[in-house]
Protein backbone atom coordinates (compact mmCIF):
# COMPACT_ATOMS: atom_id res chain seq x y z
CA UNK A 1 15.71 -3.17 -17.33
CA UNK A 2 17.74 -3.30 -20.52
CA UNK A 3 19.08 -6.70 -21.44
CA UNK A 4 22.31 -5.41 -23.00
CA UNK A 5 23.28 -1.88 -22.02
CA UNK A 6 26.79 -1.74 -23.45
CA UNK A 7 27.10 1.79 -24.73
CA UNK A 8 26.16 5.36 -24.05
CA UNK A 9 25.81 8.04 -26.70
CA UNK A 10 27.47 11.36 -25.83
CA UNK A 11 26.78 14.46 -27.88
CA UNK A 12 29.86 16.72 -27.75
CA UNK A 13 29.30 20.33 -28.65
CA UNK A 14 32.54 21.78 -30.04
CA UNK A 15 32.91 25.48 -29.37
CA UNK A 16 36.15 27.11 -30.42
CA UNK A 17 37.43 30.39 -29.07
CA UNK A 18 40.54 31.52 -30.98
CA UNK A 19 43.15 34.03 -29.95
CA UNK A 20 45.63 35.37 -32.45
CA UNK A 21 48.70 37.56 -32.52
CA UNK A 22 51.56 38.22 -30.14
CA UNK A 23 49.31 38.66 -27.10
CA UNK A 24 48.45 34.96 -27.12
CA UNK A 25 50.39 32.76 -24.74
CA UNK A 26 49.70 29.69 -26.82
CA UNK A 27 50.25 30.94 -30.31
CA UNK A 28 47.73 31.76 -32.97
CA UNK A 29 44.68 29.80 -34.04
CA UNK A 30 43.81 28.16 -30.72
CA UNK A 31 40.32 27.36 -29.52
CA UNK A 32 38.35 25.50 -26.88
CA UNK A 33 36.16 22.40 -27.06
CA UNK A 34 33.02 22.76 -24.97
CA UNK A 35 31.45 19.43 -24.03
CA UNK A 36 27.78 19.28 -23.06
CA UNK A 37 26.56 15.74 -22.58
CA UNK A 38 23.36 14.12 -23.64
CA UNK A 39 22.90 10.44 -22.87
CA UNK A 40 21.10 7.73 -24.70
CA UNK A 41 20.91 4.03 -23.86
CA UNK A 42 21.39 1.55 -26.66
CA UNK A 43 19.83 -1.89 -26.62
CA UNK A 44 18.69 -4.71 -28.83
CA UNK A 45 15.18 -3.77 -27.72
CA UNK A 46 13.67 -0.97 -29.78
CA UNK A 47 10.92 -0.24 -27.27
CA UNK A 48 13.20 1.66 -24.90
CA UNK A 49 12.83 5.37 -25.26
CA UNK A 50 15.67 7.89 -25.12
CA UNK A 51 16.58 8.79 -21.57
CA UNK A 52 16.16 12.50 -21.04
CA UNK A 53 19.04 14.50 -19.65
CA UNK A 54 18.56 14.59 -15.91
CA UNK A 55 20.65 14.83 -12.79
CA UNK A 56 20.50 11.10 -12.14
CA UNK A 57 21.80 9.85 -15.48
CA UNK A 58 25.49 9.79 -14.46
CA UNK A 59 24.67 7.75 -11.38
CA UNK A 60 22.42 5.46 -13.38
CA UNK A 61 25.33 4.50 -15.60
CA UNK A 62 27.89 4.41 -12.83
CA UNK A 63 29.89 7.37 -14.10
CA UNK A 64 31.36 9.70 -11.51
CA UNK A 65 34.04 11.58 -13.49
CA UNK A 66 34.48 12.48 -17.15
CA UNK A 67 37.97 12.84 -18.65
CA UNK A 68 38.57 14.19 -22.16
CA UNK A 69 41.79 14.24 -24.21
CA UNK A 70 42.42 15.82 -27.63
CA UNK A 71 45.12 14.48 -30.00
CA UNK A 72 46.28 16.16 -33.20
CA UNK A 73 46.78 14.40 -36.51
CA UNK A 74 50.29 13.35 -35.45
CA UNK A 75 48.98 11.55 -32.40
CA UNK A 76 50.28 14.14 -29.95
CA UNK A 77 48.06 15.06 -27.03
CA UNK A 78 47.37 18.76 -27.33
CA UNK A 79 44.65 19.35 -24.70
CA UNK A 80 43.11 17.71 -21.66
CA UNK A 81 40.24 18.38 -19.21
CA UNK A 82 38.16 16.53 -16.64
CA UNK A 83 35.02 17.28 -14.62
CA UNK A 84 32.44 15.54 -12.47
CA UNK A 85 29.78 13.89 -14.57
CA UNK A 86 26.95 15.50 -12.62
CA UNK A 87 28.12 18.93 -13.85
CA UNK A 88 26.59 17.89 -17.19
CA UNK A 89 29.23 19.83 -19.22
CA UNK A 90 32.92 20.67 -19.40
CA UNK A 91 35.38 22.69 -21.48
CA UNK A 92 38.78 21.78 -22.98
CA UNK A 93 40.62 25.05 -23.33
CA UNK A 94 43.55 26.07 -25.57
CA UNK A 95 43.00 23.50 -28.29
CA UNK A 96 45.20 24.24 -31.36
CA UNK A 97 43.27 24.61 -34.62
CA UNK A 98 43.63 21.75 -37.00
CA UNK A 99 42.04 18.85 -38.82
CA UNK A 100 41.91 15.09 -38.36
CA UNK A 101 41.92 15.47 -34.58
CA UNK A 102 40.87 12.72 -32.17
CA UNK A 103 38.83 13.20 -28.95
CA UNK A 104 38.96 10.41 -26.35
CA UNK A 105 36.37 10.39 -23.52
CA UNK A 106 36.57 8.19 -20.42
CA UNK A 107 34.03 7.74 -17.65
CA UNK A 108 35.21 6.52 -14.26
CA UNK A 109 33.83 5.59 -10.86
CA UNK A 110 36.01 5.61 -7.72
CA UNK A 111 39.12 5.94 -9.89
CA UNK A 112 38.35 2.97 -12.13
CA UNK A 113 37.63 3.62 -15.79
CA UNK A 114 34.38 1.88 -16.64
CA UNK A 115 33.37 3.55 -19.91
CA UNK A 116 35.44 4.66 -22.88
CA UNK A 117 34.79 6.14 -26.31
CA UNK A 118 36.33 8.32 -29.01
CA UNK A 119 35.59 10.54 -31.98
CA UNK A 120 37.95 10.80 -34.95
CA UNK A 121 38.45 13.22 -37.85
CA UNK A 122 37.42 16.19 -35.75
CA UNK A 123 38.24 19.56 -37.26
CA UNK A 124 38.91 22.59 -35.10
CA UNK A 125 38.19 25.91 -36.78
CA UNK A 126 37.86 29.35 -35.35
CA UNK A 127 34.34 30.48 -34.56
CA UNK A 128 32.57 27.19 -35.31
CA UNK A 129 30.26 25.07 -33.14
CA UNK A 130 29.85 21.44 -34.01
CA UNK A 131 28.12 18.41 -32.42
CA UNK A 132 30.20 15.24 -32.49
CA UNK A 133 28.68 11.93 -31.25
CA UNK A 134 30.89 9.66 -29.16
CA UNK A 135 29.76 6.15 -28.30
CA UNK A 136 31.10 5.08 -24.92
CA UNK A 137 31.31 1.34 -24.32
CA UNK A 138 31.44 -0.34 -20.95
CA UNK A 139 34.93 -1.69 -20.32
CA UNK A 140 34.63 -2.54 -16.63
CA UNK A 141 35.39 -6.03 -15.35
CA UNK A 142 32.51 -6.44 -12.88
CA UNK A 143 31.17 -10.01 -13.08
CA UNK A 144 29.27 -10.09 -9.76
CA UNK A 145 25.60 -10.90 -10.28
CA UNK A 146 23.12 -8.43 -8.77
CA UNK A 147 20.82 -9.48 -5.95
CA UNK A 148 17.91 -8.04 -4.01
CA UNK A 149 18.58 -6.86 -0.46
CA UNK A 150 15.23 -5.42 0.61
CA UNK A 151 11.62 -6.01 -0.45
CA UNK A 152 8.64 -3.88 0.47
CA UNK A 153 6.20 -5.14 1.59
CA UNK A 154 8.21 -7.92 3.18
CA UNK A 155 7.49 -11.45 1.93
CA UNK A 156 4.46 -12.97 3.62
CA UNK A 157 3.27 -9.68 5.10
CA UNK A 158 -0.46 -9.48 5.81
CA UNK A 159 -2.67 -6.44 6.43
CA UNK A 160 -0.81 -4.37 3.82
CA UNK A 161 -2.42 -1.00 3.06
CA UNK A 162 -4.27 -0.90 -0.25
CA UNK A 163 -2.49 2.32 -1.29
CA UNK A 164 0.97 0.85 -0.90
CA UNK A 165 3.76 0.92 -3.46
CA UNK A 166 5.87 -2.18 -4.04
CA UNK A 167 9.65 -1.87 -4.19
CA UNK A 168 12.92 -3.78 -4.28
CA UNK A 169 16.37 -2.53 -3.36
CA UNK A 170 19.35 -4.07 -5.14
CA UNK A 171 22.87 -4.55 -3.79
CA UNK A 172 24.46 -2.51 -6.59
CA UNK A 173 23.80 0.00 -9.33
CA UNK A 174 21.37 -1.22 -11.96
CA UNK A 175 20.60 0.06 -15.46
CA UNK A 176 17.14 1.50 -16.00
CA UNK A 177 15.59 3.70 -18.65
CA UNK A 178 12.22 5.39 -18.83
CA UNK A 179 10.91 2.86 -21.35
CA UNK A 180 11.35 0.05 -18.85
CA UNK A 181 8.19 1.05 -16.98
CA UNK A 182 6.31 -1.27 -19.34
CA UNK A 183 6.47 -3.78 -16.43
CA UNK A 184 8.38 -6.28 -18.54
CA UNK A 185 10.69 -6.81 -15.60
CA UNK A 186 8.45 -5.97 -12.61
CA UNK A 187 5.01 -7.58 -12.37
CA UNK A 188 2.41 -7.61 -9.61
CA UNK A 189 -0.31 -10.22 -10.06
CA UNK A 190 -3.58 -10.50 -8.08
CA UNK A 191 -4.04 -14.17 -8.83
CA UNK A 192 -5.79 -13.55 -12.13
CA UNK A 193 -4.09 -10.72 -14.00
CA UNK A 194 -1.09 -8.42 -13.76
CA UNK A 195 -2.19 -5.11 -12.33
CA UNK A 196 -1.39 -1.88 -14.12
CA UNK A 197 1.08 0.63 -12.76
CA UNK A 198 4.29 2.55 -13.38
CA UNK A 199 7.88 1.71 -12.48
CA UNK A 200 10.60 4.13 -11.39
CA UNK A 201 14.21 3.64 -10.41
CA UNK A 202 16.15 5.60 -7.77
CA UNK A 203 19.87 5.36 -8.64
CA UNK A 204 20.87 6.83 -5.29
CA UNK A 205 19.37 3.94 -3.30
CA UNK A 206 19.34 1.28 -6.07
CA UNK A 207 15.59 0.98 -5.50
CA UNK A 208 13.04 -0.03 -8.11
CA UNK A 209 9.44 0.96 -7.24
CA UNK A 210 6.13 -0.16 -8.73
CA UNK A 211 3.25 2.28 -8.14
CA UNK A 212 -0.19 0.83 -8.99
CA UNK A 213 -2.47 2.99 -11.15
CA UNK A 214 -5.21 2.57 -8.53
CA UNK A 215 -5.60 1.20 -5.02
CA UNK A 216 -5.06 -2.51 -4.56
CA UNK A 217 -8.03 -4.70 -3.64
CA UNK A 218 -8.85 -5.59 -0.06
CA UNK A 219 -8.08 -9.03 1.36
CA UNK A 220 -6.15 -10.11 -1.74
CA UNK A 221 -2.87 -11.98 -2.05
CA UNK A 222 -0.48 -10.49 -4.61
CA UNK A 223 2.52 -12.15 -6.23
CA UNK A 224 5.46 -9.91 -7.12
CA UNK A 225 7.99 -11.07 -9.72
CA UNK A 226 11.29 -9.40 -10.64
CA UNK A 227 12.54 -10.85 -13.92
CA UNK A 228 15.99 -12.37 -14.20
CA UNK A 229 16.52 -10.06 -17.19
CA UNK A 230 17.32 -7.11 -14.94
CA UNK A 231 20.94 -6.02 -15.37
CA UNK A 232 23.60 -4.04 -13.60
CA UNK A 233 25.83 -1.63 -15.52
CA UNK A 234 28.22 -4.46 -16.33
CA UNK A 235 25.49 -6.45 -18.06
CA UNK A 236 25.27 -9.00 -15.20
CA UNK A 237 21.85 -10.52 -14.60
CA UNK A 238 20.30 -12.05 -11.52
CA UNK A 239 20.62 -15.83 -11.28
CA UNK A 240 16.87 -16.21 -11.69
CA UNK A 241 13.54 -14.42 -11.24
CA UNK A 242 12.73 -13.27 -7.71
CA UNK A 243 9.18 -13.82 -6.46
CA UNK A 244 7.36 -13.16 -3.21
CA UNK A 245 3.79 -12.62 -1.97
CA UNK A 246 1.97 -10.26 0.35
CA UNK A 247 -1.68 -9.86 1.33
CA UNK A 248 -3.66 -6.66 1.68
CA UNK A 249 -5.68 -6.08 4.80
CA UNK A 250 -9.42 -6.73 4.85
CA UNK A 251 -11.68 -3.77 4.27
CA UNK A 252 -14.22 -2.76 6.87
CA UNK A 253 -17.52 -2.73 4.95
CA UNK A 254 -19.78 0.29 5.12
CA UNK A 255 -23.02 0.01 7.05
CA UNK A 256 -25.22 0.28 3.95
CA UNK A 257 -27.01 3.34 5.35
CA UNK A 258 -27.76 5.82 2.55
CA UNK A 259 -30.81 7.78 3.79
CA UNK A 260 -30.51 11.14 5.57
CA UNK A 261 -31.99 11.53 9.05
CA UNK A 262 -30.69 14.98 10.03
CA UNK A 263 -29.77 18.28 8.44
CA UNK A 264 -26.48 18.20 10.34
CA UNK A 265 -23.63 17.09 8.10
CA UNK A 266 -21.56 14.12 9.22
CA UNK A 267 -24.13 11.37 9.64
CA UNK A 268 -23.43 7.88 8.30
CA UNK A 269 -25.04 8.45 4.89
CA UNK A 270 -22.77 11.43 4.20
CA UNK A 271 -19.81 9.06 3.85
CA UNK A 272 -19.84 6.06 1.53
CA UNK A 273 -16.67 4.19 2.45
CA UNK A 274 -16.16 0.60 1.26
CA UNK A 275 -19.76 -0.01 0.15
CA UNK A 276 -21.04 -3.53 0.86
CA UNK A 277 -20.05 -5.83 -2.00
CA UNK A 278 -20.87 -9.52 -2.27
CA UNK A 279 -20.63 -12.34 -4.78
CA UNK A 280 -23.21 -15.11 -4.79
CA UNK A 281 -21.06 -18.12 -5.66
CA UNK A 282 -24.17 -20.11 -6.67
CA UNK A 283 -23.04 -23.03 -4.50
CA UNK A 284 -24.58 -22.15 -1.15
CA UNK A 285 -21.85 -19.64 -0.29
CA UNK A 286 -21.41 -15.87 -0.49
CA UNK A 287 -18.07 -14.03 -0.67
CA UNK A 288 -17.65 -10.58 0.88
CA UNK A 289 -15.37 -8.60 -1.44
CA UNK A 290 -14.33 -6.23 1.35
CA UNK A 291 -13.31 -8.72 4.03
CA UNK A 292 -12.50 -11.67 1.76
CA UNK A 293 -14.60 -13.91 4.00
CA UNK A 294 -16.81 -16.64 2.55
CA UNK A 295 -20.14 -17.13 4.29
CA UNK A 296 -22.66 -19.93 4.55
CA UNK A 297 -25.56 -18.47 2.58
CA UNK A 298 -28.35 -19.94 4.71
CA UNK A 299 -28.18 -21.49 8.15
CA UNK A 300 -29.72 -24.87 8.90
CA UNK A 301 -32.63 -23.38 10.89
CA UNK A 302 -31.60 -25.16 14.09
CA UNK A 303 -30.63 -23.42 17.34
CA UNK A 304 -27.60 -24.64 19.26
CA UNK A 305 -25.94 -23.79 22.52
CA UNK A 306 -22.56 -22.07 22.24
CA UNK A 307 -20.61 -25.25 23.01
CA UNK A 308 -22.02 -27.19 20.05
CA UNK A 309 -21.86 -24.15 17.77
CA UNK A 310 -18.18 -23.59 18.54
CA UNK A 311 -17.16 -27.24 18.83
CA UNK A 312 -16.20 -26.83 22.51
CA UNK A 313 -16.54 -29.94 24.62
CA UNK A 314 -18.64 -29.64 27.80
CA UNK A 315 -19.34 -32.58 30.09
CA UNK A 316 -23.01 -31.63 30.35
CA UNK A 317 -23.96 -29.66 27.23
CA UNK A 318 -21.60 -31.12 24.64
CA UNK A 319 -19.97 -34.31 25.92
CA UNK A 320 -19.67 -35.71 22.37
CA UNK A 321 -17.81 -32.68 21.05
CA UNK A 322 -20.34 -31.73 18.38
CA UNK A 323 -18.90 -29.01 16.14
CA UNK A 324 -21.59 -27.48 13.94
CA UNK A 325 -19.27 -25.40 11.77
CA UNK A 326 -16.20 -27.61 12.06
CA UNK A 327 -18.14 -30.58 10.67
CA UNK A 328 -19.84 -28.61 7.91
CA UNK A 329 -19.08 -29.48 4.30
CA UNK A 330 -20.50 -26.92 1.89
CA UNK A 331 -19.43 -26.19 -1.69
CA UNK A 332 -16.63 -28.71 -1.18
CA UNK A 333 -15.06 -26.74 1.69
CA UNK A 334 -14.45 -28.30 5.07
CA UNK A 335 -12.69 -25.46 6.89
CA UNK A 336 -15.75 -23.66 8.23
CA UNK A 337 -15.75 -22.02 11.65
CA UNK A 338 -17.97 -19.97 13.95
CA UNK A 339 -17.55 -16.24 13.20
CA UNK A 340 -16.55 -13.63 15.75
CA UNK A 341 -18.74 -10.74 16.85
CA UNK A 342 -16.78 -8.42 14.57
CA UNK A 343 -17.19 -10.73 11.60
CA UNK A 344 -20.94 -11.10 12.13
CA UNK A 345 -21.33 -7.32 12.32
CA UNK A 346 -19.59 -6.89 8.94
CA UNK A 347 -22.59 -8.43 7.14
CA UNK A 348 -25.15 -6.27 8.94
CA UNK A 349 -27.03 -3.79 6.76
CA UNK A 350 -28.15 -0.89 8.92
CA UNK A 351 -30.72 0.33 6.44
CA UNK A 352 -32.48 -2.94 5.82
CA UNK A 353 -35.82 -3.69 7.42
CA UNK A 354 -35.79 -6.60 9.82
CA UNK A 355 -33.69 -8.67 9.30
CA UNK A 356 -30.82 -6.18 9.10
CA UNK A 357 -28.99 -7.92 6.27
CA UNK A 358 -29.05 -7.99 2.47
CA UNK A 359 -31.60 -10.73 1.76
CA UNK A 360 -30.51 -10.94 -1.88
CA UNK A 361 -27.40 -12.70 -0.65
CA UNK A 362 -28.52 -14.04 2.74
CA UNK A 363 -32.13 -15.20 2.33
CA UNK A 364 -34.03 -16.75 5.21
CA UNK A 365 -31.99 -14.96 7.87
CA UNK A 366 -33.73 -15.53 11.19
CA UNK A 367 -35.15 -12.90 13.50
CA UNK A 368 -36.88 -15.14 16.05
CA UNK A 369 -33.60 -15.63 17.92
CA UNK A 370 -30.03 -14.42 17.87
CA UNK A 371 -26.94 -15.69 16.07
CA UNK A 372 -23.98 -16.99 18.02
CA UNK A 373 -20.42 -15.66 17.75
CA UNK A 374 -17.25 -17.47 18.75
CA UNK A 375 -16.37 -14.91 21.44
CA UNK A 376 -16.66 -15.59 25.15
CA UNK A 377 -17.36 -12.81 27.62
CA UNK A 378 -14.06 -12.16 29.39
CA UNK A 379 -15.94 -10.75 32.38
CA UNK A 380 -17.97 -13.96 32.75
CA UNK A 381 -16.61 -17.02 30.90
CA UNK A 382 -20.01 -18.73 31.16
CA UNK A 383 -21.48 -16.08 28.88
CA UNK A 384 -21.23 -15.21 25.22
CA UNK A 385 -22.70 -12.49 23.04
CA UNK A 386 -25.98 -12.63 21.15
CA UNK A 387 -26.23 -10.92 17.77
CA UNK A 388 -29.77 -10.04 16.68
CA UNK A 389 -30.60 -9.20 13.07
CA UNK A 390 -34.10 -7.98 13.90
CA UNK A 391 -35.21 -4.47 14.93
CA UNK A 392 -32.31 -2.81 13.15
CA UNK A 393 -29.59 -4.87 14.81
CA UNK A 394 -28.52 -5.10 18.45
CA UNK A 395 -26.77 -7.46 20.86
CA UNK A 396 -26.88 -8.76 24.41
CA UNK A 397 -24.85 -10.86 26.80
CA UNK A 398 -26.24 -14.40 26.92
CA UNK A 399 -25.51 -17.65 28.73
CA UNK A 400 -23.55 -20.13 26.65
CA UNK A 401 -26.23 -22.69 27.50
CA UNK A 402 -28.90 -20.70 25.65
CA UNK A 403 -29.75 -21.48 22.06
CA UNK A 404 -28.95 -19.43 19.00
CA UNK A 405 -28.67 -19.82 15.24
CA UNK A 406 -25.37 -20.47 13.51
CA UNK A 407 -24.04 -18.96 10.28
CA UNK A 408 -20.60 -20.39 9.52
CA UNK A 409 -17.73 -18.60 7.84
CA UNK A 410 -14.38 -19.50 6.33
CA UNK A 411 -11.23 -17.51 5.56
CA UNK A 412 -8.63 -15.65 7.57
CA UNK A 413 -10.08 -14.30 10.79
CA UNK A 414 -10.42 -10.53 10.90
CA UNK A 415 -7.50 -9.03 12.73
CA UNK A 416 -7.70 -7.61 16.22
CA UNK A 417 -6.76 -3.93 16.58
CA UNK A 418 -3.07 -3.24 16.02
CA UNK A 419 -2.48 0.26 17.29
CA UNK A 420 0.33 2.75 16.74
CA UNK A 421 0.60 5.84 18.94
CA UNK A 422 1.44 8.64 16.50
CA UNK A 423 2.61 10.89 19.36
CA UNK A 424 0.45 13.75 18.12
CA UNK A 425 -2.82 13.04 19.89
CA UNK A 426 -3.85 10.36 17.39
CA UNK A 427 -3.72 6.57 17.23
CA UNK A 428 -3.67 4.52 14.02
CA UNK A 429 -5.20 1.06 13.85
CA UNK A 430 -3.01 -0.78 11.35
CA UNK A 431 -5.63 -3.51 10.99
CA UNK A 432 -8.20 -1.14 9.47
CA UNK A 433 -6.16 1.87 8.39
CA UNK A 434 -8.32 4.17 10.54
CA UNK A 435 -6.82 6.99 12.61
CA UNK A 436 -8.51 7.73 15.94
CA UNK A 437 -8.66 10.71 18.23
CA UNK A 438 -6.69 9.64 21.30
CA UNK A 439 -8.17 11.95 23.90
CA UNK A 440 -11.79 12.01 24.95
CA UNK A 441 -14.04 14.26 22.89
CA UNK A 442 -16.59 14.90 25.57
CA UNK A 443 -20.16 13.96 26.52
CA UNK A 444 -22.88 15.35 24.26
CA UNK A 445 -25.98 14.62 22.21
CA UNK A 446 -25.80 13.08 18.75
CA UNK A 447 -26.07 16.24 16.62
CA UNK A 448 -23.45 17.98 18.73
CA UNK A 449 -21.23 14.91 18.30
CA UNK A 450 -21.54 15.15 14.50
CA UNK A 451 -20.58 18.82 14.57
CA UNK A 452 -17.77 18.29 17.06
CA UNK A 453 -15.98 15.77 14.85
CA UNK A 454 -16.59 17.66 11.60
CA UNK A 455 -15.08 20.79 13.17
CA UNK A 456 -12.09 19.03 14.73
CA UNK A 457 -8.56 19.89 13.58
CA UNK A 458 -6.82 17.38 15.82
CA UNK A 459 -3.13 16.98 14.89
CA UNK A 460 -3.65 19.35 11.96
CA UNK A 461 -6.08 17.07 10.09
CA UNK A 462 -9.35 18.58 8.85
CA UNK A 463 -11.20 15.42 7.75
CA UNK A 464 -12.34 14.07 11.10
CA UNK A 465 -15.82 12.60 11.39
CA UNK A 466 -17.98 10.62 13.78
CA UNK A 467 -17.34 6.89 13.13
CA UNK A 468 -20.08 4.63 11.85
CA UNK A 469 -21.14 1.73 14.02
CA UNK A 470 -18.90 -0.86 12.37
CA UNK A 471 -15.85 1.39 12.66
CA UNK A 472 -16.59 2.11 16.32
CA UNK A 473 -16.94 -1.58 17.12
CA UNK A 474 -13.58 -2.32 15.46
CA UNK A 475 -11.66 -0.83 18.43
CA UNK A 476 -13.61 -2.70 21.13
CA UNK A 477 -11.46 -5.21 23.01
CA UNK A 478 -13.79 -8.09 23.87
CA UNK A 479 -10.93 -10.00 25.50
CA UNK A 480 -10.71 -7.57 28.43
CA UNK A 481 -12.18 -8.58 31.76
CA UNK A 482 -12.05 -5.09 33.28
CA UNK A 483 -13.51 -1.80 32.09
CA UNK A 484 -13.13 -0.03 29.74
CA UNK A 485 -13.24 -2.55 26.88
CA UNK A 486 -10.48 -0.83 24.90
CA UNK A 487 -6.69 -0.84 24.97
CA UNK A 488 -5.95 1.82 27.58
CA UNK A 489 -2.25 1.77 26.69
CA UNK A 490 -3.29 3.76 23.63
CA UNK A 491 -6.49 5.35 24.97
CA UNK A 492 -5.58 6.07 28.59
CA UNK A 493 -8.56 8.35 29.30
CA UNK A 494 -11.21 6.10 27.74
CA UNK A 495 -14.55 5.67 29.48
CA UNK A 496 -16.50 2.47 30.00
CA UNK A 497 -19.79 4.04 28.93
CA UNK A 498 -21.47 4.26 25.53
CA UNK A 499 -20.00 6.13 22.55
CA UNK A 500 -21.99 7.60 19.69
CA UNK A 501 -21.75 6.34 16.14
CA UNK A 502 -22.90 8.28 13.09
CA UNK A 503 -25.35 5.47 12.24
CA UNK A 504 -29.06 6.06 12.78
CA UNK A 505 -31.03 3.21 14.31
CA UNK A 506 -33.18 2.20 11.35
CA UNK A 507 -36.17 0.87 13.32
CA UNK A 508 -36.57 4.09 15.33
CA UNK A 509 -34.86 6.96 13.54
CA UNK A 510 -34.89 9.26 16.57
CA UNK A 511 -32.31 6.83 17.98
CA UNK A 512 -28.69 6.34 16.93
CA UNK A 513 -26.58 3.20 17.30
CA UNK A 514 -23.83 3.20 19.89
CA UNK A 515 -21.24 0.91 21.40
CA UNK A 516 -20.79 0.22 25.10
CA UNK A 517 -17.13 -0.01 26.13
CA UNK A 518 -18.00 -2.00 29.21
CA UNK A 519 -17.07 -5.64 29.60
CA UNK A 520 -20.46 -6.51 31.10
CA UNK A 521 -22.59 -4.59 28.63
CA UNK A 522 -23.77 -5.18 25.07
CA UNK A 523 -21.43 -4.43 22.19
CA UNK A 524 -24.23 -2.95 20.07
CA UNK A 525 -27.09 -0.77 21.27
CA UNK A 526 -29.05 2.41 20.48
CA UNK A 527 -30.22 5.48 22.39
CA UNK A 528 -32.23 8.64 21.80
CA UNK A 529 -30.24 11.14 19.76
CA UNK A 530 -31.15 13.81 22.31
CA UNK A 531 -29.36 11.84 25.03
CA UNK A 532 -25.71 12.45 25.78
CA UNK A 533 -23.00 9.89 25.08
CA UNK A 534 -19.21 9.92 24.78
CA UNK A 535 -17.47 10.83 21.51
CA UNK A 536 -14.33 9.63 19.76
CA UNK A 537 -13.64 10.95 16.25
CA UNK A 538 -12.06 9.05 13.37
CA UNK A 539 -10.52 9.71 9.97
CA UNK A 540 -9.40 7.54 7.07
CA UNK A 541 -5.66 6.92 7.00
CA UNK A 542 -5.57 3.95 4.59
């Protein structure tokens, strides 16, 4: 925003219409001054471009009404007119011809004159049109500093959509010109650099909005800063810069499946959404760019019961309170924990030979036994889940006393589903940005399921598809002790059986992966594609 907006340039077009002879009520040699306004902001900063004439300019400068007076060379007022600023033009009629005339323009808001300017030595001649510039200076007495009333996203918000715009709403009218979108006054930083984008101002709501040039990154904390150089129309600045942070939601990584296993469109490989993306930190850790989680690169090769893996005390199995992940120090970090089922599944690669994981980043991943998650079976608290990386990936229910490998993780835990009923037959999960078909799609084989979702026009949307296995698992509620393992407040007709995913089972490609929505079953399984399973379609909603 301009540091010193103190004047506005008005271009006055003078158009004179004379009437002569005895038929004139006002004598001979009279005319009219037609005023069409063009605005320009002036500032000590040369980078600001001229503001184009638009319907918002009057509101931007706090001008509601324009008043114009014409004085002859003797100082006598000879004509007067007023009009609403938004009309963009006005006419002063019956102006006597003459020279050395003075035109005084005032701009007011709610009856108070805030802007004033004049033009001298104006000549009025019959049949001429002339442009006369008038510089209007701000003469208001407002000394109240501006402040910010509303921020979007709210400070500290997590799980913000990556396609969001960032905005602030002020308590009063501010001054803004098109050149201010250089982000001098509005910056959004990802922790390393200011991101690129454009800035717009809505004078009707006093709202300044930053729109990024591209989607924000997943699982990233952004710092927003509004400079103290922003000004209201009286030249008042904020008392200091305003800063807040928000964090984008984690991305749900794609399965990694790229090969085609059917001629029917809609299988996993036909959609490449959030491709797997990792960084080897060269210190024994790997960062997932989609989820923001940092992983232990290799496990210690030892199997543990669930109690020791999770750090849960048990009088028989873990009386000393051993905590494998909680006691781990790797790469200088001491905040490691046991991952959840959902988190473990995010690093699966469903097109990798056994083990089903990218060995470039996770070498020496075991297949002789399962890996342990932090989750407990709600149906039987003595059980947990087993996550196998061999044979294309699958899971079972296991006793907590059994032994499994441990791969620790650190970072904010992936969010549980956070549903919104859209009241149109769809449900949005705000934790992933996915929109789900609310009703049941039916019971059919895999190819029919692909076609069913591709052909769906539920709620008027035409981009429905069969979810991949990671997406399907994201709506499972492992905390439920009764079937079905999903929030029936949002999916009241859900079944407790198995639902198809679009992901082919890599080890046996005549099978497809599915998810059992039963509290006593396995979260991840596979069945013959010719078998029939339940169907629930999905679409991206960001």
